[in-house]
Amino acid sequence: MGRGERTKQQELVPGTLDMLVLKTASAGALHGYAIAQSIQELSGNVLTVEEGALYPALHRLEVRGLLQSEWGLSDNNRRAKYYSLTAEGRRELTREAASWRRVSTAITQIMEPA
């Protein structure tokens, strides 16, 4: 890294949290903290998800029928709510991923030098 450069964690791009939560939950049932940690780790520690954004998103996705939840015990034997994708959640993830690919490709085309 050059002088004065540091690895900086970024906030999520607006509108991407739901998609990232759905993608993370598609691997299997996870509790909220594990979802946030997974997003951070899979992004190479670039993206962080704050609790104040994560838990409302989990609730919103559950109300929309995209996630389902059940109580269980975490690795440290604490009671935790585990979230998993529903069939409708899988369909929504497919739609959101396709939309993201279109938008990110368009932005890349604009940002890369001609």
PDB file of N, CA and C in Angstrom:
ATOM      1  N   MET A   1       0.828  -1.172   0.000  1.00  0.00           N
ATOM      2  CA  MET A   1       0.000   0.000   0.000  1.00  0.00           C
ATOM      3  C   MET A   1       0.873   1.235   0.000  1.00  0.00           C
ATOM      4  N   GLY A   2       0.400   2.248  -0.670  1.00  0.00           N
ATOM      5  CA  GLY A   2       1.139   3.494  -0.744  1.00  0.00           C
ATOM      6  C   GLY A   2       1.042   4.283   0.538  1.00  0.00           C
ATOM      7  N   ARG A   3       1.773   5.343   0.578  1.00  0.00           N
ATOM      8  CA  ARG A   3       1.824   6.197   1.749  1.00  0.00           C
ATOM      9  C   ARG A   3       0.422   6.737   2.070  1.00  0.00           C
ATOM     10  N   GLY A   4       0.026   6.608   3.312  1.00  0.00           N
ATOM     11  CA  GLY A   4      -1.251   7.128   3.763  1.00  0.00           C
ATOM     12  C   GLY A   4      -2.456   6.259   3.395  1.00  0.00           C
ATOM     13  N   GLU A   5      -2.233   5.159   2.675  1.00  0.00           N
ATOM     14  CA  GLU A   5      -3.352   4.293   2.308  1.00  0.00           C
ATOM     15  C   GLU A   5      -3.571   3.272   3.405  1.00  0.00           C
ATOM     16  N   ARG A   6      -4.836   3.018   3.677  1.00  0.00           N
ATOM     17  CA  ARG A   6      -5.192   2.001   4.654  1.00  0.00           C
ATOM     18  C   ARG A   6      -6.331   1.179   4.084  1.00  0.00           C
ATOM     19  N   THR A   7      -6.405  -0.058   4.536  1.00  0.00           N
ATOM     20  CA  THR A   7      -7.561  -0.860   4.168  1.00  0.00           C
ATOM     21  C   THR A   7      -8.750  -0.266   4.911  1.00  0.00           C
ATOM     22  N   LYS A   8      -9.766   0.083   4.168  1.00  0.00           N
ATOM     23  CA  LYS A   8     -10.924   0.731   4.759  1.00  0.00           C
ATOM     24  C   LYS A   8     -12.168  -0.098   4.489  1.00  0.00           C
ATOM     25  N   GLN A   9     -12.924  -0.327   5.538  1.00  0.00           N
ATOM     26  CA  GLN A   9     -14.180  -1.023   5.358  1.00  0.00           C
ATOM     27  C   GLN A   9     -15.189  -0.039   4.803  1.00  0.00           C
ATOM     28  N   GLN A  10     -15.998  -0.515   3.901  1.00  0.00           N
ATOM     29  CA  GLN A  10     -16.977   0.323   3.225  1.00  0.00           C
ATOM     30  C   GLN A  10     -18.372  -0.012   3.714  1.00  0.00           C
ATOM     31  N   GLU A  11     -19.212   1.009   3.710  1.00  0.00           N
ATOM     32  CA  GLU A  11     -20.620   0.749   3.918  1.00  0.00           C
ATOM     33  C   GLU A  11     -21.147   0.127   2.642  1.00  0.00           C
ATOM     34  N   LEU A  12     -22.243  -0.559   2.754  1.00  0.00           N
ATOM     35  CA  LEU A  12     -22.832  -1.206   1.596  1.00  0.00           C
ATOM     36  C   LEU A  12     -23.403  -0.178   0.628  1.00  0.00           C
ATOM     37  N   VAL A  13     -23.397  -0.524  -0.638  1.00  0.00           N
ATOM     38  CA  VAL A  13     -24.042   0.303  -1.644  1.00  0.00           C
ATOM     39  C   VAL A  13     -25.535   0.291  -1.338  1.00  0.00           C
ATOM     40  N   PRO A  14     -26.175   1.462  -1.308  1.00  0.00           N
ATOM     41  CA  PRO A  14     -27.609   1.490  -1.007  1.00  0.00           C
ATOM     42  C   PRO A  14     -28.386   0.527  -1.911  1.00  0.00           C
ATOM     43  N   GLY A  15     -29.295  -0.210  -1.296  1.00  0.00           N
ATOM     44  CA  GLY A  15     -30.123  -1.142  -2.046  1.00  0.00           C
ATOM     45  C   GLY A  15     -29.539  -2.536  -2.198  1.00  0.00           C
ATOM     46  N   THR A  16     -28.339  -2.775  -1.688  1.00  0.00           N
ATOM     47  CA  THR A  16     -27.726  -4.095  -1.869  1.00  0.00           C
ATOM     48  C   THR A  16     -27.831  -4.998  -0.641  1.00  0.00           C
ATOM     49  N   LEU A  17     -28.170  -4.447   0.500  1.00  0.00           N
ATOM     50  CA  LEU A  17     -28.181  -5.252   1.727  1.00  0.00           C
ATOM     51  C   LEU A  17     -29.118  -6.446   1.608  1.00  0.00           C
ATOM     52  N   ASP A  18     -30.342  -6.244   1.141  1.00  0.00           N
ATOM     53  CA  ASP A  18     -31.280  -7.351   1.045  1.00  0.00           C
ATOM     54  C   ASP A  18     -30.727  -8.455   0.148  1.00  0.00           C
ATOM     55  N   MET A  19     -30.161  -8.069  -0.984  1.00  0.00           N
ATOM     56  CA  MET A  19     -29.603  -9.047  -1.916  1.00  0.00           C
ATOM     57  C   MET A  19     -28.463  -9.829  -1.257  1.00  0.00           C
ATOM     58  N   LEU A  20     -27.585  -9.151  -0.540  1.00  0.00           N
ATOM     59  CA  LEU A  20     -26.462  -9.819   0.105  1.00  0.00           C
ATOM     60  C   LEU A  20     -26.918 -10.739   1.231  1.00  0.00           C
ATOM     61  N   VAL A  21     -27.933 -10.324   1.963  1.00  0.00           N
ATOM     62  CA  VAL A  21     -28.476 -11.182   3.021  1.00  0.00           C
ATOM     63  C   VAL A  21     -29.095 -12.431   2.403  1.00  0.00           C
ATOM     64  N   LEU A  22     -29.884 -12.258   1.332  1.00  0.00           N
ATOM     65  CA  LEU A  22     -30.490 -13.416   0.670  1.00  0.00           C
ATOM     66  C   LEU A  22     -29.416 -14.361   0.146  1.00  0.00           C
ATOM     67  N   LYS A  23     -28.387 -13.819  -0.472  1.00  0.00           N
ATOM     68  CA  LYS A  23     -27.305 -14.656  -1.006  1.00  0.00           C
ATOM     69  C   LYS A  23     -26.613 -15.421   0.113  1.00  0.00           C
ATOM     70  N   THR A  24     -26.338 -14.746   1.211  1.00  0.00           N
ATOM     71  CA  THR A  24     -25.663 -15.385   2.338  1.00  0.00           C
ATOM     72  C   THR A  24     -26.540 -16.486   2.940  1.00  0.00           C
ATOM     73  N   ALA A  25     -27.828 -16.216   3.089  1.00  0.00           N
ATOM     74  CA  ALA A  25     -28.748 -17.197   3.659  1.00  0.00           C
ATOM     75  C   ALA A  25     -29.001 -18.370   2.705  1.00  0.00           C
ATOM     76  N   SER A  26     -28.677 -18.203   1.437  1.00  0.00           N
ATOM     77  CA  SER A  26     -28.901 -19.289   0.473  1.00  0.00           C
ATOM     78  C   SER A  26     -27.979 -20.482   0.741  1.00  0.00           C
ATOM     79  N   ALA A  27     -26.910 -20.260   1.500  1.00  0.00           N
ATOM     80  CA  ALA A  27     -25.968 -21.344   1.814  1.00  0.00           C
ATOM     81  C   ALA A  27     -26.463 -22.227   2.957  1.00  0.00           C
ATOM     82  N   GLY A  28     -27.480 -21.761   3.684  1.00  0.00           N
ATOM     83  CA  GLY A  28     -28.001 -22.523   4.814  1.00  0.00           C
ATOM     84  C   GLY A  28     -28.382 -21.595   5.942  1.00  0.00           C
ATOM     85  N   ALA A  29     -29.063 -22.129   6.931  1.00  0.00           N
ATOM     86  CA  ALA A  29     -29.566 -21.329   8.051  1.00  0.00           C
ATOM     87  C   ALA A  29     -28.416 -20.722   8.854  1.00  0.00           C
ATOM     88  N   LEU A  30     -28.511 -19.417   9.068  1.00  0.00           N
ATOM     89  CA  LEU A  30     -27.513 -18.685   9.856  1.00  0.00           C
ATOM     90  C   LEU A  30     -28.215 -17.692  10.768  1.00  0.00           C
ATOM     91  N   HIS A  31     -27.608 -17.402  11.910  1.00  0.00           N
ATOM     92  CA  HIS A  31     -28.135 -16.349  12.767  1.00  0.00           C
ATOM     93  C   HIS A  31     -27.598 -15.003  12.282  1.00  0.00           C
ATOM     94  N   GLY A  32     -28.198 -13.924  12.762  1.00  0.00           N
ATOM     95  CA  GLY A  32     -27.870 -12.588  12.262  1.00  0.00           C
ATOM     96  C   GLY A  32     -26.395 -12.249  12.309  1.00  0.00           C
ATOM     97  N   TYR A  33     -25.757 -12.490  13.438  1.00  0.00           N
ATOM     98  CA  TYR A  33     -24.340 -12.152  13.560  1.00  0.00           C
ATOM     99  C   TYR A  33     -23.510 -12.926  12.533  1.00  0.00           C
ATOM    100  N   ALA A  34     -23.853 -14.202  12.313  1.00  0.00           N
ATOM    101  CA  ALA A  34     -23.116 -15.021  11.343  1.00  0.00           C
ATOM    102  C   ALA A  34     -23.329 -14.506   9.919  1.00  0.00           C
ATOM    103  N   ILE A  35     -24.513 -13.981   9.633  1.00  0.00           N
ATOM    104  CA  ILE A  35     -24.768 -13.397   8.313  1.00  0.00           C
ATOM    105  C   ILE A  35     -23.871 -12.183   8.110  1.00  0.00           C
ATOM    106  N   ALA A  36     -23.816 -11.306   9.103  1.00  0.00           N
ATOM    107  CA  ALA A  36     -22.965 -10.113   9.005  1.00  0.00           C
ATOM    108  C   ALA A  36     -21.500 -10.497   8.853  1.00  0.00           C
ATOM    109  N   GLN A  37     -21.050 -11.461   9.638  1.00  0.00           N
ATOM    110  CA  GLN A  37     -19.654 -11.913   9.563  1.00  0.00           C
ATOM    111  C   GLN A  37     -19.350 -12.528   8.202  1.00  0.00           C
ATOM    112  N   SER A  38     -20.275 -13.303   7.676  1.00  0.00           N
ATOM    113  CA  SER A  38     -20.074 -13.943   6.380  1.00  0.00           C
ATOM    114  C   SER A  38     -19.941 -12.908   5.268  1.00  0.00           C
ATOM    115  N   ILE A  39     -20.800 -11.907   5.286  1.00  0.00           N
ATOM    116  CA  ILE A  39     -20.713 -10.843   4.275  1.00  0.00           C
ATOM    117  C   ILE A  39     -19.361 -10.155   4.366  1.00  0.00           C
ATOM    118  N   GLN A  40     -18.919  -9.862   5.573  1.00  0.00           N
ATOM    119  CA  GLN A  40     -17.630  -9.198   5.754  1.00  0.00           C
ATOM    120  C   GLN A  40     -16.497 -10.088   5.255  1.00  0.00           C
ATOM    121  N   GLU A  41     -16.497 -11.349   5.632  1.00  0.00           N
ATOM    122  CA  GLU A  41     -15.419 -12.262   5.232  1.00  0.00           C
ATOM    123  C   GLU A  41     -15.417 -12.517   3.727  1.00  0.00           C
ATOM    124  N   LEU A  42     -16.598 -12.763   3.147  1.00  0.00           N
ATOM    125  CA  LEU A  42     -16.669 -13.047   1.712  1.00  0.00           C
ATOM    126  C   LEU A  42     -16.281 -11.839   0.863  1.00  0.00           C
ATOM    127  N   SER A  43     -16.404 -10.640   1.432  1.00  0.00           N
ATOM    128  CA  SER A  43     -16.021  -9.428   0.698  1.00  0.00           C
ATOM    129  C   SER A  43     -14.551  -9.082   0.918  1.00  0.00           C
ATOM    130  N   GLY A  44     -13.806  -9.969   1.550  1.00  0.00           N
ATOM    131  CA  GLY A  44     -12.403  -9.678   1.823  1.00  0.00           C
ATOM    132  C   GLY A  44     -12.242  -8.575   2.846  1.00  0.00           C
ATOM    133  N   ASN A  45     -13.167  -8.508   3.785  1.00  0.00           N
ATOM    134  CA  ASN A  45     -13.181  -7.496   4.844  1.00  0.00           C
ATOM    135  C   ASN A  45     -13.350  -6.075   4.314  1.00  0.00           C
ATOM    136  N   VAL A  46     -13.983  -5.933   3.171  1.00  0.00           N
ATOM    137  CA  VAL A  46     -14.251  -4.602   2.615  1.00  0.00           C
ATOM    138  C   VAL A  46     -15.622  -4.104   3.062  1.00  0.00           C
ATOM    139  N   LEU A  47     -16.617  -4.982   3.056  1.00  0.00           N
ATOM    140  CA  LEU A  47     -17.979  -4.585   3.405  1.00  0.00           C
ATOM    141  C   LEU A  47     -18.294  -4.936   4.847  1.00  0.00           C
ATOM    142  N   THR A  48     -18.972  -4.030   5.523  1.00  0.00           N
ATOM    143  CA  THR A  48     -19.456  -4.299   6.878  1.00  0.00           C
ATOM    144  C   THR A  48     -20.959  -4.055   6.915  1.00  0.00           C
ATOM    145  N   VAL A  49     -21.617  -4.818   7.743  1.00  0.00           N
ATOM    146  CA  VAL A  49     -23.054  -4.660   7.939  1.00  0.00           C
ATOM    147  C   VAL A  49     -23.266  -4.316   9.406  1.00  0.00           C
ATOM    148  N   GLU A  50     -23.798  -3.150   9.654  1.00  0.00           N
ATOM    149  CA  GLU A  50     -24.054  -2.713  11.022  1.00  0.00           C
ATOM    150  C   GLU A  50     -25.345  -3.352  11.537  1.00  0.00           C
ATOM    151  N   GLU A  51     -25.372  -3.638  12.838  1.00  0.00           N
ATOM    152  CA  GLU A  51     -26.556  -4.246  13.446  1.00  0.00           C
ATOM    153  C   GLU A  51     -27.809  -3.415  13.195  1.00  0.00           C
ATOM    154  N   GLY A  52     -27.658  -2.095  13.224  1.00  0.00           N
ATOM    155  CA  GLY A  52     -28.794  -1.202  13.036  1.00  0.00           C
ATOM    156  C   GLY A  52     -29.412  -1.304  11.653  1.00  0.00           C
ATOM    157  N   ALA A  53     -28.684  -1.844  10.690  1.00  0.00           N
ATOM    158  CA  ALA A  53     -29.219  -2.071   9.345  1.00  0.00           C
ATOM    159  C   ALA A  53     -29.594  -3.539   9.158  1.00  0.00           C
ATOM    160  N   LEU A  54     -28.827  -4.449   9.748  1.00  0.00           N
ATOM    161  CA  LEU A  54     -29.033  -5.875   9.521  1.00  0.00           C
ATOM    162  C   LEU A  54     -30.362  -6.376  10.070  1.00  0.00           C
ATOM    163  N   TYR A  55     -30.630  -6.107  11.334  1.00  0.00           N
ATOM    164  CA  TYR A  55     -31.812  -6.706  11.948  1.00  0.00           C
ATOM    165  C   TYR A  55     -33.120  -6.176  11.354  1.00  0.00           C
ATOM    166  N   PRO A  56     -33.222  -4.888  11.025  1.00  0.00           N
ATOM    167  CA  PRO A  56     -34.427  -4.458  10.292  1.00  0.00           C
ATOM    168  C   PRO A  56     -34.545  -5.131   8.922  1.00  0.00           C
ATOM    169  N   ALA A  57     -33.418  -5.366   8.245  1.00  0.00           N
ATOM    170  CA  ALA A  57     -33.450  -6.040   6.942  1.00  0.00           C
ATOM    171  C   ALA A  57     -33.926  -7.480   7.105  1.00  0.00           C
ATOM    172  N   LEU A  58     -33.424  -8.189   8.112  1.00  0.00           N
ATOM    173  CA  LEU A  58     -33.858  -9.562   8.356  1.00  0.00           C
ATOM    174  C   LEU A  58     -35.363  -9.607   8.620  1.00  0.00           C
ATOM    175  N   HIS A  59     -35.843  -8.686   9.434  1.00  0.00           N
ATOM    176  CA  HIS A  59     -37.275  -8.635   9.735  1.00  0.00           C
ATOM    177  C   HIS A  59     -38.082  -8.333   8.469  1.00  0.00           C
ATOM    178  N   ARG A  60     -37.638  -7.361   7.701  1.00  0.00           N
ATOM    179  CA  ARG A  60     -38.321  -6.973   6.457  1.00  0.00           C
ATOM    180  C   ARG A  60     -38.396  -8.164   5.487  1.00  0.00           C
ATOM    181  N   LEU A  61     -37.292  -8.882   5.332  1.00  0.00           N
ATOM    182  CA  LEU A  61     -37.251 -10.026   4.422  1.00  0.00           C
ATOM    183  C   LEU A  61     -38.133 -11.166   4.921  1.00  0.00           C
ATOM    184  N   GLU A  62     -38.205 -11.311   6.224  1.00  0.00           N
ATOM    185  CA  GLU A  62     -39.064 -12.345   6.781  1.00  0.00           C
ATOM    186  C   GLU A  62     -40.541 -11.986   6.575  1.00  0.00           C
ATOM    187  N   VAL A  63     -40.890 -10.729   6.804  1.00  0.00           N
ATOM    188  CA  VAL A  63     -42.271 -10.278   6.597  1.00  0.00           C
ATOM    189  C   VAL A  63     -42.681 -10.447   5.133  1.00  0.00           C
ATOM    190  N   ARG A  64     -41.751 -10.214   4.218  1.00  0.00           N
ATOM    191  CA  ARG A  64     -42.032 -10.368   2.782  1.00  0.00           C
ATOM    192  C   ARG A  64     -42.086 -11.838   2.351  1.00  0.00           C
ATOM    193  N   GLY A  65     -41.762 -12.762   3.241  1.00  0.00           N
ATOM    194  CA  GLY A  65     -41.811 -14.183   2.923  1.00  0.00           C
ATOM    195  C   GLY A  65     -40.580 -14.683   2.183  1.00  0.00           C
ATOM    196  N   LEU A  66     -39.502 -13.900   2.210  1.00  0.00           N
ATOM    197  CA  LEU A  66     -38.274 -14.289   1.511  1.00  0.00           C
ATOM    198  C   LEU A  66     -37.326 -15.074   2.414  1.00  0.00           C
ATOM    199  N   LEU A  67     -37.473 -14.874   3.716  1.00  0.00           N
ATOM    200  CA  LEU A  67     -36.717 -15.625   4.716  1.00  0.00           C
ATOM    201  C   LEU A  67     -37.695 -16.251   5.691  1.00  0.00           C
ATOM    202  N   GLN A  68     -37.284 -17.359   6.262  1.00  0.00           N
ATOM    203  CA  GLN A  68     -38.025 -17.944   7.376  1.00  0.00           C
ATOM    204  C   GLN A  68     -37.043 -18.084   8.531  1.00  0.00           C
ATOM    205  N   SER A  69     -37.574 -18.134   9.743  1.00  0.00           N
ATOM    206  CA  SER A  69     -36.667 -18.221  10.886  1.00  0.00           C
ATOM    207  C   SER A  69     -37.145 -19.252  11.888  1.00  0.00           C
ATOM    208  N   GLU A  70     -36.182 -19.703  12.677  1.00  0.00           N
ATOM    209  CA  GLU A  70     -36.489 -20.581  13.802  1.00  0.00           C
ATOM    210  C   GLU A  70     -35.415 -20.364  14.867  1.00  0.00           C
ATOM    211  N   TRP A  71     -35.804 -20.561  16.102  1.00  0.00           N
ATOM    212  CA  TRP A  71     -34.877 -20.392  17.209  1.00  0.00           C
ATOM    213  C   TRP A  71     -34.010 -21.630  17.369  1.00  0.00           C
ATOM    214  N   GLY A  72     -32.760 -21.396  17.717  1.00  0.00           N
ATOM    215  CA  GLY A  72     -31.832 -22.485  17.969  1.00  0.00           C
ATOM    216  C   GLY A  72     -30.725 -21.997  18.880  1.00  0.00           C
ATOM    217  N   LEU A  73     -29.702 -22.818  19.067  1.00  0.00           N
ATOM    218  CA  LEU A  73     -28.562 -22.453  19.898  1.00  0.00           C
ATOM    219  C   LEU A  73     -27.364 -22.150  19.007  1.00  0.00           C
ATOM    220  N   SER A  74     -26.681 -21.068  19.328  1.00  0.00           N
ATOM    221  CA  SER A  74     -25.481 -20.696  18.582  1.00  0.00           C
ATOM    222  C   SER A  74     -24.307 -21.550  19.049  1.00  0.00           C
ATOM    223  N   ASP A  75     -23.154 -21.350  18.420  1.00  0.00           N
ATOM    224  CA  ASP A  75     -21.959 -22.115  18.778  1.00  0.00           C
ATOM    225  C   ASP A  75     -21.570 -21.942  20.242  1.00  0.00           C
ATOM    226  N   ASN A  76     -21.905 -20.791  20.816  1.00  0.00           N
ATOM    227  CA  ASN A  76     -21.554 -20.561  22.223  1.00  0.00           C
ATOM    228  C   ASN A  76     -22.754 -20.818  23.153  1.00  0.00           C
ATOM    229  N   ASN A  77     -23.686 -21.663  22.673  1.00  0.00           N
ATOM    230  CA  ASN A  77     -24.854 -22.097  23.451  1.00  0.00           C
ATOM    231  C   ASN A  77     -25.790 -20.968  23.862  1.00  0.00           C
ATOM    232  N   ARG A  78     -25.860 -19.948  23.062  1.00  0.00           N
ATOM    233  CA  ARG A  78     -26.824 -18.880  23.304  1.00  0.00           C
ATOM    234  C   ARG A  78     -27.995 -19.048  22.350  1.00  0.00           C
ATOM    235  N   ARG A  79     -29.152 -18.673  22.809  1.00  0.00           N
ATOM    236  CA  ARG A  79     -30.346 -18.746  21.980  1.00  0.00           C
ATOM    237  C   ARG A  79     -30.212 -17.728  20.848  1.00  0.00           C
ATOM    238  N   ALA A  80     -30.458 -18.164  19.621  1.00  0.00           N
ATOM    239  CA  ALA A  80     -30.322 -17.288  18.467  1.00  0.00           C
ATOM    240  C   ALA A  80     -31.382 -17.645  17.434  1.00  0.00           C
ATOM    241  N   LYS A  81     -31.793 -16.625  16.681  1.00  0.00           N
ATOM    242  CA  LYS A  81     -32.760 -16.833  15.615  1.00  0.00           C
ATOM    243  C   LYS A  81     -31.994 -17.123  14.331  1.00  0.00           C
ATOM    244  N   TYR A  82     -32.288 -18.267  13.724  1.00  0.00           N
ATOM    245  CA  TYR A  82     -31.619 -18.692  12.500  1.00  0.00           C
ATOM    246  C   TYR A  82     -32.527 -18.418  11.301  1.00  0.00           C
ATOM    247  N   TYR A  83     -31.948 -17.831  10.264  1.00  0.00           N
ATOM    248  CA  TYR A  83     -32.690 -17.440   9.069  1.00  0.00           C
ATOM    249  C   TYR A  83     -32.274 -18.311   7.895  1.00  0.00           C
ATOM    250  N   SER A  84     -33.262 -18.709   7.102  1.00  0.00           N
ATOM    251  CA  SER A  84     -32.980 -19.465   5.878  1.00  0.00           C
ATOM    252  C   SER A  84     -33.890 -18.948   4.770  1.00  0.00           C
ATOM    253  N   LEU A  85     -33.480 -19.208   3.561  1.00  0.00           N
ATOM    254  CA  LEU A  85     -34.195 -18.745   2.378  1.00  0.00           C
ATOM    255  C   LEU A  85     -35.444 -19.582   2.136  1.00  0.00           C
ATOM    256  N   THR A  86     -36.517 -18.921   1.741  1.00  0.00           N
ATOM    257  CA  THR A  86     -37.723 -19.631   1.304  1.00  0.00           C
ATOM    258  C   THR A  86     -37.640 -19.816  -0.212  1.00  0.00           C
ATOM    259  N   ALA A  87     -38.584 -20.546  -0.777  1.00  0.00           N
ATOM    260  CA  ALA A  87     -38.623 -20.717  -2.230  1.00  0.00           C
ATOM    261  C   ALA A  87     -38.787 -19.361  -2.911  1.00  0.00           C
ATOM    262  N   GLU A  88     -39.649 -18.510  -2.358  1.00  0.00           N
ATOM    263  CA  GLU A  88     -39.824 -17.169  -2.931  1.00  0.00           C
ATOM    264  C   GLU A  88     -38.545 -16.354  -2.770  1.00  0.00           C
ATOM    265  N   GLY A  89     -37.828 -16.568  -1.680  1.00  0.00           N
ATOM    266  CA  GLY A  89     -36.546 -15.893  -1.472  1.00  0.00           C
ATOM    267  C   GLY A  89     -35.531 -16.269  -2.534  1.00  0.00           C
ATOM    268  N   ARG A  90     -35.523 -17.530  -2.929  1.00  0.00           N
ATOM    269  CA  ARG A  90     -34.612 -17.983  -4.004  1.00  0.00           C
ATOM    270  C   ARG A  90     -34.963 -17.309  -5.325  1.00  0.00           C
ATOM    271  N   ARG A  91     -36.251 -17.206  -5.621  1.00  0.00           N
ATOM    272  CA  ARG A  91     -36.673 -16.536  -6.860  1.00  0.00           C
ATOM    273  C   ARG A  91     -36.290 -15.053  -6.828  1.00  0.00           C
ATOM    274  N   GLU A  92     -36.496 -14.410  -5.685  1.00  0.00           N
ATOM    275  CA  GLU A  92     -36.143 -12.992  -5.555  1.00  0.00           C
ATOM    276  C   GLU A  92     -34.633 -12.795  -5.681  1.00  0.00           C
ATOM    277  N   LEU A  93     -33.854 -13.684  -5.093  1.00  0.00           N
ATOM    278  CA  LEU A  93     -32.401 -13.606  -5.202  1.00  0.00           C
ATOM    279  C   LEU A  93     -31.975 -13.707  -6.663  1.00  0.00           C
ATOM    280  N   THR A  94     -32.581 -14.593  -7.416  1.00  0.00           N
ATOM    281  CA  THR A  94     -32.264 -14.733  -8.837  1.00  0.00           C
ATOM    282  C   THR A  94     -32.561 -13.430  -9.582  1.00  0.00           C
ATOM    283  N   ARG A  95     -33.716 -12.826  -9.294  1.00  0.00           N
ATOM    284  CA  ARG A  95     -34.082 -11.547  -9.944  1.00  0.00           C
ATOM    285  C   ARG A  95     -33.108 -10.433  -9.558  1.00  0.00           C
ATOM    286  N   GLU A  96     -32.814 -10.310  -8.264  1.00  0.00           N
ATOM    287  CA  GLU A  96     -31.926  -9.243  -7.797  1.00  0.00           C
ATOM    288  C   GLU A  96     -30.509  -9.420  -8.327  1.00  0.00           C
ATOM    289  N   ALA A  97     -30.036 -10.648  -8.403  1.00  0.00           N
ATOM    290  CA  ALA A  97     -28.682 -10.905  -8.918  1.00  0.00           C
ATOM    291  C   ALA A  97     -28.590 -10.515 -10.390  1.00  0.00           C
ATOM    292  N   ALA A  98     -29.616 -10.829 -11.169  1.00  0.00           N
ATOM    293  CA  ALA A  98     -29.615 -10.458 -12.592  1.00  0.00           C
ATOM    294  C   ALA A  98     -29.630  -8.945 -12.751  1.00  0.00           C
ATOM    295  N   SER A  99     -30.426  -8.276 -11.949  1.00  0.00           N
ATOM    296  CA  SER A  99     -30.488  -6.815 -12.002  1.00  0.00           C
ATOM    297  C   SER A  99     -29.138  -6.206 -11.609  1.00  0.00           C
ATOM    298  N   TRP A 100     -28.522  -6.744 -10.561  1.00  0.00           N
ATOM    299  CA  TRP A 100     -27.217  -6.246 -10.112  1.00  0.00           C
ATOM    300  C   TRP A 100     -26.168  -6.416 -11.209  1.00  0.00           C
ATOM    301  N   ARG A 101     -26.171  -7.549 -11.869  1.00  0.00           N
ATOM    302  CA  ARG A 101     -25.201  -7.776 -12.955  1.00  0.00           C
ATOM    303  C   ARG A 101     -25.375  -6.742 -14.069  1.00  0.00           C
ATOM    304  N   ARG A 102     -26.625  -6.448 -14.452  1.00  0.00           N
ATOM    305  CA  ARG A 102     -26.875  -5.448 -15.497  1.00  0.00           C
ATOM    306  C   ARG A 102     -26.358  -4.076 -15.081  1.00  0.00           C
ATOM    307  N   VAL A 103     -26.676  -3.663 -13.868  1.00  0.00           N
ATOM    308  CA  VAL A 103     -26.277  -2.341 -13.383  1.00  0.00           C
ATOM    309  C   VAL A 103     -24.763  -2.261 -13.216  1.00  0.00           C
ATOM    310  N   SER A 104     -24.151  -3.262 -12.607  1.00  0.00           N
ATOM    311  CA  SER A 104     -22.703  -3.201 -12.373  1.00  0.00           C
ATOM    312  C   SER A 104     -21.935  -3.246 -13.693  1.00  0.00           C
ATOM    313  N   THR A 105     -22.435  -3.977 -14.674  1.00  0.00           N
ATOM    314  CA  THR A 105     -21.793  -4.006 -15.988  1.00  0.00           C
ATOM    315  C   THR A 105     -21.882  -2.625 -16.637  1.00  0.00           C
ATOM    316  N   ALA A 106     -23.040  -1.991 -16.534  1.00  0.00           N
ATOM    317  CA  ALA A 106     -23.211  -0.654 -17.119  1.00  0.00           C
ATOM    318  C   ALA A 106     -22.291   0.359 -16.449  1.00  0.00           C
ATOM    319  N   ILE A 107     -22.166   0.305 -15.143  1.00  0.00           N
ATOM    320  CA  ILE A 107     -21.292   1.233 -14.424  1.00  0.00           C
ATOM    321  C   ILE A 107     -19.835   0.991 -14.797  1.00  0.00           C
ATOM    322  N   THR A 108     -19.450  -0.272 -14.891  1.00  0.00           N
ATOM    323  CA  THR A 108     -18.068  -0.610 -15.279  1.00  0.00           C
ATOM    324  C   THR A 108     -17.758  -0.067 -16.667  1.00  0.00           C
ATOM    325  N   GLN A 109     -18.699  -0.180 -17.592  1.00  0.00           N
ATOM    326  CA  GLN A 109     -18.496   0.331 -18.942  1.00  0.00           C
ATOM    327  C   GLN A 109     -18.257   1.834 -18.946  1.00  0.00           C
ATOM    328  N   ILE A 110     -18.952   2.525 -18.065  1.00  0.00           N
ATOM    329  CA  ILE A 110     -18.782   3.980 -17.977  1.00  0.00           C
ATOM    330  C   ILE A 110     -17.455   4.344 -17.319  1.00  0.00           C
ATOM    331  N   MET A 111     -17.085   3.616 -16.277  1.00  0.00           N
ATOM    332  CA  MET A 111     -15.915   3.973 -15.475  1.00  0.00           C
ATOM    333  C   MET A 111     -14.586   3.564 -16.105  1.00  0.00           C
ATOM    334  N   GLU A 112     -14.576   2.503 -16.925  1.00  0.00           N
ATOM    335  CA  GLU A 112     -13.310   2.064 -17.519  1.00  0.00           C
ATOM    336  C   GLU A 112     -12.936   2.985 -18.670  1.00  0.00           C
ATOM    337  N   PRO A 113     -11.643   3.280 -18.796  1.00  0.00           N
ATOM    338  CA  PRO A 113     -11.207   4.155 -19.895  1.00  0.00           C
ATOM    339  C   PRO A 113     -11.485   3.522 -21.252  1.00  0.00           C
ATOM    340  N   ALA A 114     -11.761   4.372 -22.208  1.00  0.00           N
ATOM    341  CA  ALA A 114     -12.082   3.908 -23.563  1.00  0.00           C
ATOM    342  C   ALA A 114     -10.827   3.456 -24.298  1.00  0.00           C
TER     343      ALA A 114
END
